[in-house]
């Protein structure tokens, strides 16, 4: 992490859940902000002294700091109603000079919105091509992210264990983790 972030850096964890991942990142930042839909998880995050921003207002110019140095968006893009809008909001709040976005998404992509949408379908669909993990990850990098003003610096494949259901205690999924920055104006 950049040394100056400890002195004045701002971290935003979108969809922070219980804040366990946030805790690891927060050590390297002066200010930690989080968004979360679940009231129970919001209480846990507040108990950890993170500044909670409203899920629907965090990207407004008068909410939180002007820019964030690091924005974490882990396994949220395929679970939110407006993922394209979310990417545009992230771009507007990410420090254009030094900011980093860490974004994880389960592949193969399957969008599912738990609340606030009709039939659990998002109002904005992400198009993706390819059947293999690498094909979909490459497509997202060169199409979705680049077209929304980001430059992918690195990406990797990681295992992702998530809570199961009545049939299975947990699921083993494949996450594509992207590290990005705001693209230079001549690159986008």
N, C-alpha and C. Protein backbone atom coordinates (compact mmCIF):
# COMPACT_ATOMS: atom_id res chain seq x y z
N UNK A 1 0.83 -1.18 0.00
CA UNK A 1 0.00 0.00 0.00
C UNK A 1 0.88 1.25 0.00
N UNK A 2 0.31 2.30 -0.52
CA UNK A 2 1.06 3.55 -0.60
C UNK A 2 1.19 4.16 0.79
N UNK A 3 2.40 4.58 1.13
CA UNK A 3 2.68 5.10 2.47
C UNK A 3 1.82 6.31 2.83
N UNK A 4 1.54 7.18 1.85
CA UNK A 4 0.76 8.39 2.15
C UNK A 4 -0.68 8.07 2.53
N UNK A 5 -1.17 6.88 2.20
CA UNK A 5 -2.53 6.51 2.55
C UNK A 5 -2.70 6.40 4.07
N UNK A 6 -1.65 5.97 4.77
CA UNK A 6 -1.74 5.85 6.22
C UNK A 6 -1.95 7.21 6.87
N UNK A 7 -1.39 8.23 6.26
CA UNK A 7 -1.50 9.58 6.81
C UNK A 7 -2.83 10.24 6.48
N UNK A 8 -3.29 10.06 5.24
CA UNK A 8 -4.50 10.79 4.84
C UNK A 8 -5.41 10.01 3.90
N UNK A 9 -5.16 8.74 3.72
CA UNK A 9 -5.91 7.97 2.73
C UNK A 9 -7.32 7.61 3.14
N UNK A 10 -8.18 7.46 2.13
CA UNK A 10 -9.57 7.10 2.33
C UNK A 10 -9.88 5.77 1.65
N UNK A 11 -10.39 4.83 2.43
CA UNK A 11 -10.80 3.52 1.94
C UNK A 11 -12.32 3.45 1.94
N UNK A 12 -12.89 2.91 0.87
CA UNK A 12 -14.33 2.64 0.82
C UNK A 12 -14.52 1.18 0.46
N UNK A 13 -15.23 0.45 1.32
CA UNK A 13 -15.57 -0.94 1.04
C UNK A 13 -17.06 -1.01 0.75
N UNK A 14 -17.40 -1.24 -0.52
CA UNK A 14 -18.79 -1.33 -0.95
C UNK A 14 -19.32 -2.73 -0.65
N UNK A 15 -20.46 -2.80 0.04
CA UNK A 15 -21.01 -4.11 0.40
C UNK A 15 -20.09 -4.83 1.36
N UNK A 16 -19.73 -4.16 2.45
CA UNK A 16 -18.68 -4.63 3.35
C UNK A 16 -19.06 -5.85 4.19
N UNK A 17 -20.32 -6.22 4.23
CA UNK A 17 -20.70 -7.39 5.02
C UNK A 17 -20.38 -7.18 6.49
N UNK A 18 -19.72 -8.16 7.11
CA UNK A 18 -19.37 -8.06 8.53
C UNK A 18 -18.08 -7.30 8.77
N UNK A 19 -17.41 -6.87 7.71
CA UNK A 19 -16.22 -6.04 7.86
C UNK A 19 -14.92 -6.77 8.09
N UNK A 20 -14.92 -8.09 8.00
CA UNK A 20 -13.68 -8.84 8.24
C UNK A 20 -12.62 -8.53 7.18
N UNK A 21 -13.03 -8.43 5.93
CA UNK A 21 -12.09 -8.06 4.86
C UNK A 21 -11.71 -6.59 5.01
N UNK A 22 -12.68 -5.77 5.38
CA UNK A 22 -12.44 -4.35 5.58
C UNK A 22 -11.34 -4.14 6.62
N UNK A 23 -11.38 -4.91 7.70
CA UNK A 23 -10.38 -4.80 8.77
C UNK A 23 -8.97 -4.94 8.25
N UNK A 24 -8.76 -5.89 7.37
CA UNK A 24 -7.42 -6.14 6.83
C UNK A 24 -6.94 -4.92 6.04
N UNK A 25 -7.81 -4.36 5.22
CA UNK A 25 -7.43 -3.21 4.39
C UNK A 25 -7.34 -1.93 5.21
N UNK A 26 -8.19 -1.78 6.22
CA UNK A 26 -8.28 -0.53 6.99
C UNK A 26 -6.98 -0.18 7.71
N UNK A 27 -6.16 -1.15 7.99
CA UNK A 27 -4.89 -0.90 8.68
C UNK A 27 -3.99 0.06 7.90
N UNK A 28 -4.18 0.13 6.60
CA UNK A 28 -3.32 0.96 5.76
C UNK A 28 -3.94 2.30 5.39
N UNK A 29 -5.03 2.68 6.06
CA UNK A 29 -5.71 3.93 5.72
C UNK A 29 -6.06 4.73 6.96
N UNK A 30 -6.10 6.04 6.77
CA UNK A 30 -6.47 6.90 7.88
C UNK A 30 -7.98 6.85 8.15
N UNK A 31 -8.77 6.86 7.07
CA UNK A 31 -10.23 6.87 7.20
C UNK A 31 -10.82 5.67 6.46
N UNK A 32 -11.76 5.00 7.11
CA UNK A 32 -12.41 3.84 6.50
C UNK A 32 -13.91 4.08 6.43
N UNK A 33 -14.44 3.92 5.23
CA UNK A 33 -15.87 4.09 4.97
C UNK A 33 -16.40 2.75 4.45
N UNK A 34 -17.70 2.54 4.66
CA UNK A 34 -18.30 1.29 4.19
C UNK A 34 -19.76 1.52 3.82
N UNK A 35 -20.24 0.68 2.90
CA UNK A 35 -21.68 0.62 2.61
C UNK A 35 -22.12 -0.82 2.84
N UNK A 36 -23.37 -0.97 3.23
CA UNK A 36 -23.93 -2.30 3.44
C UNK A 36 -25.44 -2.18 3.53
N UNK A 37 -26.15 -3.12 2.93
CA UNK A 37 -27.61 -3.12 2.92
C UNK A 37 -28.17 -3.71 4.22
N UNK A 38 -27.58 -4.78 4.70
CA UNK A 38 -28.11 -5.51 5.85
C UNK A 38 -28.02 -4.67 7.14
N UNK A 39 -29.16 -4.46 7.82
CA UNK A 39 -29.14 -3.71 9.08
C UNK A 39 -28.25 -4.36 10.15
N UNK A 40 -28.24 -5.68 10.21
CA UNK A 40 -27.41 -6.39 11.19
C UNK A 40 -25.93 -6.13 10.91
N UNK A 41 -25.53 -6.24 9.65
CA UNK A 41 -24.14 -6.01 9.29
C UNK A 41 -23.75 -4.55 9.49
N UNK A 42 -24.68 -3.62 9.24
CA UNK A 42 -24.40 -2.20 9.46
C UNK A 42 -24.07 -1.94 10.94
N UNK A 43 -24.77 -2.62 11.84
CA UNK A 43 -24.48 -2.47 13.27
C UNK A 43 -23.09 -2.98 13.60
N UNK A 44 -22.72 -4.10 13.00
CA UNK A 44 -21.38 -4.65 13.23
C UNK A 44 -20.31 -3.69 12.71
N UNK A 45 -20.54 -3.13 11.52
CA UNK A 45 -19.58 -2.18 10.94
C UNK A 45 -19.48 -0.91 11.79
N UNK A 46 -20.61 -0.42 12.29
CA UNK A 46 -20.61 0.77 13.13
C UNK A 46 -19.85 0.51 14.43
N UNK A 47 -19.97 -0.70 14.97
CA UNK A 47 -19.25 -1.05 16.20
C UNK A 47 -17.74 -1.07 15.98
N UNK A 48 -17.32 -1.24 14.73
CA UNK A 48 -15.89 -1.22 14.40
C UNK A 48 -15.42 0.19 14.06
N UNK A 49 -16.29 1.17 14.26
CA UNK A 49 -15.98 2.58 14.04
C UNK A 49 -15.71 2.95 12.59
N UNK A 50 -16.32 2.23 11.66
CA UNK A 50 -16.23 2.63 10.25
C UNK A 50 -17.33 3.65 9.99
N UNK A 51 -17.04 4.60 9.14
CA UNK A 51 -18.05 5.57 8.75
C UNK A 51 -18.96 4.92 7.73
N UNK A 52 -20.24 4.80 8.08
CA UNK A 52 -21.21 4.16 7.19
C UNK A 52 -21.82 5.19 6.26
N UNK A 53 -21.78 4.88 4.97
CA UNK A 53 -22.40 5.73 3.96
C UNK A 53 -23.64 5.02 3.44
N UNK A 54 -24.64 5.80 3.08
CA UNK A 54 -25.88 5.25 2.56
C UNK A 54 -25.63 4.56 1.22
N UNK A 55 -26.20 3.39 1.03
CA UNK A 55 -26.01 2.60 -0.18
C UNK A 55 -26.43 3.37 -1.43
N UNK A 56 -27.46 4.18 -1.31
CA UNK A 56 -27.97 4.91 -2.47
C UNK A 56 -27.38 6.30 -2.64
N UNK A 57 -26.62 6.78 -1.63
CA UNK A 57 -26.13 8.16 -1.69
C UNK A 57 -24.61 8.31 -1.64
N UNK A 58 -23.87 7.23 -1.45
CA UNK A 58 -22.43 7.33 -1.23
C UNK A 58 -21.69 8.03 -2.36
N UNK A 59 -22.20 7.95 -3.58
CA UNK A 59 -21.51 8.55 -4.73
C UNK A 59 -21.87 10.01 -4.94
N UNK A 60 -22.81 10.54 -4.16
CA UNK A 60 -23.16 11.95 -4.28
C UNK A 60 -21.96 12.81 -3.88
N UNK A 61 -21.77 13.94 -4.55
CA UNK A 61 -20.62 14.80 -4.25
C UNK A 61 -20.54 15.26 -2.79
N UNK A 62 -21.69 15.40 -2.12
CA UNK A 62 -21.68 15.88 -0.74
C UNK A 62 -21.63 14.75 0.30
N UNK A 63 -21.48 13.51 -0.15
CA UNK A 63 -21.37 12.36 0.77
C UNK A 63 -19.91 11.92 0.88
N UNK A 64 -19.40 11.88 2.08
CA UNK A 64 -18.03 11.40 2.29
C UNK A 64 -17.01 12.32 1.63
N UNK A 65 -15.79 11.83 1.49
CA UNK A 65 -14.74 12.65 0.87
C UNK A 65 -14.96 12.79 -0.64
N UNK A 66 -14.28 13.75 -1.24
CA UNK A 66 -14.39 13.94 -2.69
C UNK A 66 -13.97 12.69 -3.43
N UNK A 67 -12.79 12.14 -3.04
CA UNK A 67 -12.25 10.94 -3.69
C UNK A 67 -11.86 9.90 -2.65
N UNK A 68 -11.85 8.66 -3.10
CA UNK A 68 -11.32 7.56 -2.29
C UNK A 68 -10.03 7.08 -2.95
N UNK A 69 -9.08 6.67 -2.12
CA UNK A 69 -7.80 6.17 -2.63
C UNK A 69 -7.89 4.69 -3.00
N UNK A 70 -8.74 3.97 -2.29
CA UNK A 70 -8.98 2.57 -2.61
C UNK A 70 -10.47 2.30 -2.44
N UNK A 71 -11.07 1.72 -3.47
CA UNK A 71 -12.45 1.27 -3.38
C UNK A 71 -12.45 -0.24 -3.59
N UNK A 72 -13.07 -0.92 -2.66
CA UNK A 72 -13.19 -2.37 -2.72
C UNK A 72 -14.64 -2.71 -3.07
N UNK A 73 -14.80 -3.54 -4.09
CA UNK A 73 -16.13 -3.95 -4.55
C UNK A 73 -16.07 -5.46 -4.78
N UNK A 74 -16.19 -6.20 -3.70
CA UNK A 74 -15.97 -7.64 -3.75
C UNK A 74 -17.30 -8.40 -3.82
N UNK A 75 -17.49 -9.09 -4.92
CA UNK A 75 -18.67 -9.94 -5.13
C UNK A 75 -19.98 -9.17 -4.95
N UNK A 76 -20.00 -7.99 -5.52
CA UNK A 76 -21.17 -7.12 -5.46
C UNK A 76 -21.73 -6.83 -6.85
N UNK A 77 -20.87 -6.76 -7.84
CA UNK A 77 -21.28 -6.35 -9.19
C UNK A 77 -22.39 -7.24 -9.75
N UNK A 78 -22.31 -8.53 -9.51
CA UNK A 78 -23.32 -9.46 -10.02
C UNK A 78 -24.53 -9.60 -9.10
N UNK A 79 -24.52 -8.87 -7.99
CA UNK A 79 -25.61 -8.95 -7.02
C UNK A 79 -26.36 -7.64 -6.86
N UNK A 80 -25.98 -6.62 -7.60
CA UNK A 80 -26.66 -5.33 -7.46
C UNK A 80 -27.58 -5.08 -8.66
N UNK A 81 -28.55 -4.21 -8.46
CA UNK A 81 -29.55 -3.95 -9.49
C UNK A 81 -29.00 -3.18 -10.68
N UNK A 82 -28.06 -2.28 -10.44
CA UNK A 82 -27.54 -1.44 -11.53
C UNK A 82 -26.01 -1.47 -11.55
N UNK A 83 -25.43 -2.55 -12.04
CA UNK A 83 -23.97 -2.69 -12.02
C UNK A 83 -23.22 -1.69 -12.91
N UNK A 84 -23.80 -1.30 -14.03
CA UNK A 84 -23.14 -0.33 -14.91
C UNK A 84 -23.11 1.03 -14.20
N UNK A 85 -24.22 1.39 -13.60
CA UNK A 85 -24.27 2.64 -12.83
C UNK A 85 -23.28 2.59 -11.68
N UNK A 86 -23.17 1.44 -11.02
CA UNK A 86 -22.21 1.28 -9.92
C UNK A 86 -20.79 1.54 -10.41
N UNK A 87 -20.42 0.99 -11.55
CA UNK A 87 -19.08 1.23 -12.10
C UNK A 87 -18.85 2.71 -12.39
N UNK A 88 -19.85 3.38 -12.93
CA UNK A 88 -19.73 4.81 -13.22
C UNK A 88 -19.59 5.62 -11.93
N UNK A 89 -20.32 5.22 -10.90
CA UNK A 89 -20.21 5.89 -9.61
C UNK A 89 -18.82 5.68 -9.00
N UNK A 90 -18.32 4.47 -9.08
CA UNK A 90 -16.98 4.18 -8.57
C UNK A 90 -15.96 5.05 -9.28
N UNK A 91 -16.06 5.12 -10.59
CA UNK A 91 -15.11 5.93 -11.37
C UNK A 91 -15.15 7.40 -10.93
N UNK A 92 -16.33 7.91 -10.65
CA UNK A 92 -16.46 9.32 -10.27
C UNK A 92 -15.88 9.60 -8.88
N UNK A 93 -15.81 8.59 -8.01
CA UNK A 93 -15.32 8.79 -6.65
C UNK A 93 -13.91 8.25 -6.40
N UNK A 94 -13.33 7.59 -7.39
CA UNK A 94 -11.98 7.05 -7.26
C UNK A 94 -10.97 8.14 -7.62
N UNK A 95 -9.97 8.33 -6.78
CA UNK A 95 -8.95 9.34 -7.05
C UNK A 95 -8.37 9.10 -8.44
N UNK A 96 -8.54 10.08 -9.36
CA UNK A 96 -8.12 9.86 -10.74
C UNK A 96 -6.61 9.74 -10.93
N UNK A 97 -5.84 10.22 -9.96
CA UNK A 97 -4.38 10.18 -10.09
C UNK A 97 -3.76 8.94 -9.47
N UNK A 98 -4.23 8.57 -8.29
CA UNK A 98 -3.57 7.48 -7.56
C UNK A 98 -4.52 6.38 -7.08
N UNK A 99 -5.81 6.53 -7.34
CA UNK A 99 -6.79 5.59 -6.80
C UNK A 99 -6.73 4.21 -7.41
N UNK A 100 -7.09 3.23 -6.59
CA UNK A 100 -7.10 1.82 -7.01
C UNK A 100 -8.48 1.23 -6.69
N UNK A 101 -9.00 0.47 -7.64
CA UNK A 101 -10.24 -0.29 -7.45
C UNK A 101 -9.89 -1.76 -7.40
N UNK A 102 -10.36 -2.44 -6.37
CA UNK A 102 -10.24 -3.89 -6.29
C UNK A 102 -11.65 -4.44 -6.43
N UNK A 103 -11.87 -5.19 -7.48
CA UNK A 103 -13.21 -5.69 -7.80
C UNK A 103 -13.15 -7.19 -8.02
N UNK A 104 -14.02 -7.92 -7.34
CA UNK A 104 -14.11 -9.37 -7.52
C UNK A 104 -15.51 -9.70 -8.02
N UNK A 105 -15.56 -10.65 -8.94
CA UNK A 105 -16.85 -11.11 -9.47
C UNK A 105 -16.76 -12.61 -9.74
N UNK A 106 -17.81 -13.32 -9.37
CA UNK A 106 -17.86 -14.76 -9.60
C UNK A 106 -18.08 -15.02 -11.09
N UNK A 107 -17.28 -15.92 -11.64
CA UNK A 107 -17.44 -16.36 -13.03
C UNK A 107 -17.63 -17.87 -13.04
N UNK A 108 -18.49 -18.42 -13.88
CA UNK A 108 -19.24 -17.72 -14.92
C UNK A 108 -20.26 -16.77 -14.30
N UNK A 109 -20.45 -15.65 -14.98
CA UNK A 109 -21.31 -14.58 -14.50
C UNK A 109 -22.77 -15.03 -14.47
N UNK A 110 -23.42 -14.77 -13.35
CA UNK A 110 -24.84 -15.06 -13.20
C UNK A 110 -25.42 -13.99 -12.28
N UNK A 111 -26.05 -12.99 -12.87
CA UNK A 111 -26.59 -11.89 -12.08
C UNK A 111 -27.84 -12.32 -11.32
N UNK A 112 -27.92 -11.90 -10.06
CA UNK A 112 -29.04 -12.23 -9.19
C UNK A 112 -29.15 -11.15 -8.12
N UNK A 113 -30.26 -10.47 -8.07
CA UNK A 113 -30.46 -9.40 -7.10
C UNK A 113 -31.39 -9.90 -6.00
N UNK A 114 -30.89 -9.91 -4.76
CA UNK A 114 -31.66 -10.49 -3.66
C UNK A 114 -32.86 -9.64 -3.25
N UNK A 115 -32.73 -8.33 -3.33
CA UNK A 115 -33.85 -7.48 -2.93
C UNK A 115 -33.91 -6.23 -3.79
N UNK A 116 -35.13 -5.71 -3.92
CA UNK A 116 -35.30 -4.45 -4.64
C UNK A 116 -35.45 -4.57 -6.14
N UNK A 117 -35.64 -5.77 -6.65
CA UNK A 117 -35.82 -5.93 -8.10
C UNK A 117 -36.93 -6.95 -8.36
N UNK A 118 -37.47 -6.87 -9.54
CA UNK A 118 -38.55 -7.79 -9.91
C UNK A 118 -37.95 -9.12 -10.36
N UNK A 119 -38.42 -10.20 -9.77
CA UNK A 119 -37.98 -11.56 -10.12
C UNK A 119 -36.47 -11.76 -9.96
N UNK A 120 -35.86 -11.01 -9.06
CA UNK A 120 -34.43 -11.12 -8.78
C UNK A 120 -33.55 -10.79 -9.98
N UNK A 121 -34.08 -10.10 -10.96
CA UNK A 121 -33.32 -9.72 -12.15
C UNK A 121 -32.87 -8.26 -12.05
N UNK A 122 -31.64 -7.96 -12.44
CA UNK A 122 -31.17 -6.57 -12.38
C UNK A 122 -31.80 -5.73 -13.48
N UNK A 123 -31.92 -4.44 -13.23
CA UNK A 123 -32.44 -3.55 -14.26
C UNK A 123 -31.37 -3.24 -15.31
N UNK A 124 -30.10 -3.45 -14.96
CA UNK A 124 -29.00 -3.32 -15.92
C UNK A 124 -28.31 -4.67 -16.06
N UNK A 125 -28.29 -5.19 -17.26
CA UNK A 125 -27.65 -6.49 -17.53
C UNK A 125 -26.20 -6.27 -17.97
N UNK A 126 -25.33 -7.14 -17.50
CA UNK A 126 -23.93 -7.16 -17.95
C UNK A 126 -23.83 -8.20 -19.04
N UNK A 127 -23.38 -7.78 -20.21
CA UNK A 127 -23.18 -8.78 -21.27
C UNK A 127 -21.77 -9.33 -21.15
N UNK A 128 -21.66 -10.61 -21.38
CA UNK A 128 -20.36 -11.27 -21.31
C UNK A 128 -20.31 -12.35 -22.38
N UNK A 129 -19.14 -12.52 -22.96
CA UNK A 129 -18.97 -13.55 -23.98
C UNK A 129 -17.94 -14.57 -23.52
N UNK A 130 -18.11 -15.78 -24.00
CA UNK A 130 -17.18 -16.85 -23.66
C UNK A 130 -17.80 -17.80 -22.66
N UNK A 131 -17.36 -19.02 -22.72
CA UNK A 131 -17.84 -20.04 -21.78
C UNK A 131 -16.80 -20.32 -20.69
N UNK A 132 -15.53 -20.19 -21.03
CA UNK A 132 -14.46 -20.48 -20.08
C UNK A 132 -14.22 -19.27 -19.18
N UNK A 133 -13.71 -19.55 -17.99
CA UNK A 133 -13.40 -18.51 -17.01
C UNK A 133 -12.53 -17.42 -17.62
N UNK A 134 -11.44 -17.82 -18.26
CA UNK A 134 -10.49 -16.86 -18.82
C UNK A 134 -11.11 -16.02 -19.92
N UNK A 135 -11.98 -16.61 -20.72
CA UNK A 135 -12.65 -15.87 -21.80
C UNK A 135 -13.57 -14.79 -21.21
N UNK A 136 -14.31 -15.16 -20.17
CA UNK A 136 -15.20 -14.18 -19.56
C UNK A 136 -14.42 -13.08 -18.84
N UNK A 137 -13.36 -13.45 -18.14
CA UNK A 137 -12.55 -12.45 -17.45
C UNK A 137 -11.93 -11.48 -18.45
N UNK A 138 -11.40 -12.00 -19.53
CA UNK A 138 -10.81 -11.16 -20.56
C UNK A 138 -11.85 -10.24 -21.19
N UNK A 139 -13.04 -10.77 -21.42
CA UNK A 139 -14.11 -9.96 -22.01
C UNK A 139 -14.50 -8.82 -21.07
N UNK A 140 -14.64 -9.11 -19.79
CA UNK A 140 -14.97 -8.06 -18.83
C UNK A 140 -13.89 -6.98 -18.81
N UNK A 141 -12.63 -7.40 -18.83
CA UNK A 141 -11.52 -6.45 -18.77
C UNK A 141 -11.49 -5.54 -19.99
N UNK A 142 -11.64 -6.12 -21.17
CA UNK A 142 -11.49 -5.33 -22.40
C UNK A 142 -12.78 -4.65 -22.84
N UNK A 143 -13.90 -5.06 -22.32
CA UNK A 143 -15.16 -4.46 -22.72
C UNK A 143 -15.80 -3.68 -21.57
N UNK A 144 -16.35 -4.37 -20.61
CA UNK A 144 -17.08 -3.71 -19.55
C UNK A 144 -16.23 -2.68 -18.80
N UNK A 145 -15.08 -3.09 -18.31
CA UNK A 145 -14.28 -2.18 -17.49
C UNK A 145 -13.65 -1.06 -18.32
N UNK A 146 -13.07 -1.41 -19.44
CA UNK A 146 -12.44 -0.40 -20.29
C UNK A 146 -13.48 0.61 -20.79
N UNK A 147 -14.64 0.13 -21.21
CA UNK A 147 -15.69 1.02 -21.71
C UNK A 147 -16.25 1.94 -20.62
N UNK A 148 -16.05 1.57 -19.38
CA UNK A 148 -16.51 2.41 -18.28
C UNK A 148 -15.38 3.20 -17.63
N UNK A 149 -14.26 3.34 -18.35
CA UNK A 149 -13.21 4.24 -17.93
C UNK A 149 -12.16 3.69 -16.99
N UNK A 150 -11.98 2.38 -16.97
CA UNK A 150 -10.97 1.77 -16.11
C UNK A 150 -9.89 1.09 -16.93
N UNK A 151 -8.71 1.05 -16.36
CA UNK A 151 -7.60 0.29 -16.93
C UNK A 151 -7.29 -0.85 -15.97
N UNK A 152 -7.35 -2.06 -16.46
CA UNK A 152 -7.04 -3.22 -15.62
C UNK A 152 -5.52 -3.33 -15.50
N UNK A 153 -5.03 -3.29 -14.28
CA UNK A 153 -3.59 -3.42 -14.03
C UNK A 153 -3.19 -4.88 -13.88
N UNK A 154 -4.02 -5.63 -13.17
CA UNK A 154 -3.78 -7.06 -12.95
C UNK A 154 -5.12 -7.74 -12.73
N UNK A 155 -5.14 -9.04 -13.02
CA UNK A 155 -6.29 -9.84 -12.61
C UNK A 155 -5.81 -11.25 -12.33
N UNK A 156 -6.58 -11.95 -11.50
CA UNK A 156 -6.23 -13.32 -11.14
C UNK A 156 -7.51 -14.09 -10.83
N UNK A 157 -7.33 -15.37 -10.72
CA UNK A 157 -8.44 -16.27 -10.36
C UNK A 157 -8.22 -16.74 -8.93
N UNK A 158 -9.29 -16.67 -8.13
CA UNK A 158 -9.21 -17.07 -6.72
C UNK A 158 -10.41 -17.94 -6.35
N UNK A 159 -10.23 -18.84 -5.41
CA UNK A 159 -11.39 -19.59 -4.92
C UNK A 159 -12.24 -18.67 -4.04
N UNK A 160 -13.53 -18.87 -4.07
CA UNK A 160 -14.45 -18.09 -3.26
C UNK A 160 -15.45 -19.05 -2.63
N UNK A 161 -15.41 -19.13 -1.31
CA UNK A 161 -16.36 -19.97 -0.58
C UNK A 161 -17.48 -19.07 -0.10
N UNK A 162 -18.70 -19.45 -0.42
CA UNK A 162 -19.83 -18.63 0.04
C UNK A 162 -20.85 -19.51 0.76
N UNK A 163 -21.65 -18.83 1.54
CA UNK A 163 -22.69 -19.49 2.34
C UNK A 163 -23.60 -20.31 1.45
N UNK A 164 -23.93 -21.48 1.92
CA UNK A 164 -24.77 -22.38 1.15
C UNK A 164 -26.24 -22.21 1.42
N UNK A 165 -26.97 -23.29 1.20
CA UNK A 165 -28.42 -23.28 1.38
C UNK A 165 -28.83 -24.59 2.05
N UNK A 166 -30.08 -24.97 1.91
CA UNK A 166 -30.56 -26.21 2.54
C UNK A 166 -29.90 -27.45 1.97
N UNK A 167 -29.50 -27.39 0.71
CA UNK A 167 -28.91 -28.55 0.05
C UNK A 167 -27.42 -28.72 0.33
N UNK A 168 -26.75 -27.60 0.57
CA UNK A 168 -25.30 -27.64 0.69
C UNK A 168 -24.85 -26.57 1.68
N UNK A 169 -23.91 -26.90 2.56
CA UNK A 169 -23.46 -25.96 3.59
C UNK A 169 -22.75 -24.74 3.01
N UNK A 170 -21.92 -24.96 1.99
CA UNK A 170 -21.24 -23.85 1.33
C UNK A 170 -20.98 -24.22 -0.12
N UNK A 171 -20.69 -23.20 -0.90
CA UNK A 171 -20.39 -23.39 -2.32
C UNK A 171 -18.97 -22.93 -2.60
N UNK A 172 -18.27 -23.67 -3.43
CA UNK A 172 -16.93 -23.34 -3.88
C UNK A 172 -17.08 -22.75 -5.27
N UNK A 173 -16.79 -21.46 -5.40
CA UNK A 173 -16.95 -20.76 -6.68
C UNK A 173 -15.61 -20.20 -7.13
N UNK A 174 -15.56 -19.70 -8.35
CA UNK A 174 -14.35 -19.09 -8.90
C UNK A 174 -14.54 -17.59 -9.02
N UNK A 175 -13.69 -16.85 -8.33
CA UNK A 175 -13.71 -15.40 -8.38
C UNK A 175 -12.66 -14.90 -9.36
N UNK A 176 -13.02 -13.90 -10.13
CA UNK A 176 -12.04 -13.13 -10.90
C UNK A 176 -11.81 -11.86 -10.11
N UNK A 177 -10.58 -11.63 -9.70
CA UNK A 177 -10.22 -10.44 -8.93
C UNK A 177 -9.45 -9.50 -9.84
N UNK A 178 -9.97 -8.29 -10.00
CA UNK A 178 -9.35 -7.29 -10.87
C UNK A 178 -8.82 -6.14 -10.03
N UNK A 179 -7.61 -5.70 -10.35
CA UNK A 179 -7.04 -4.49 -9.76
C UNK A 179 -7.00 -3.46 -10.88
N UNK A 180 -7.66 -2.32 -10.65
CA UNK A 180 -7.82 -1.34 -11.73
C UNK A 180 -7.54 0.07 -11.23
N UNK A 181 -7.36 0.96 -12.20
CA UNK A 181 -7.26 2.39 -11.93
C UNK A 181 -8.11 3.11 -12.96
N UNK A 182 -8.33 4.39 -12.74
CA UNK A 182 -9.04 5.20 -13.72
C UNK A 182 -8.14 5.30 -14.95
N UNK A 183 -8.70 5.01 -16.11
CA UNK A 183 -7.91 5.06 -17.35
C UNK A 183 -7.54 6.50 -17.67
N UNK A 184 -6.36 6.67 -18.23
CA UNK A 184 -5.97 7.99 -18.72
C UNK A 184 -6.96 8.39 -19.80
N UNK A 185 -7.21 9.68 -19.93
CA UNK A 185 -8.22 10.13 -20.89
C UNK A 185 -7.91 9.70 -22.32
N UNK A 186 -6.64 9.55 -22.66
CA UNK A 186 -6.30 9.11 -24.02
C UNK A 186 -6.42 7.60 -24.18
N UNK A 187 -6.55 6.85 -23.04
CA UNK A 187 -6.69 5.39 -23.09
C UNK A 187 -8.14 4.94 -23.21
N UNK A 188 -9.07 5.76 -22.71
CA UNK A 188 -10.46 5.29 -22.66
C UNK A 188 -11.24 5.65 -23.90
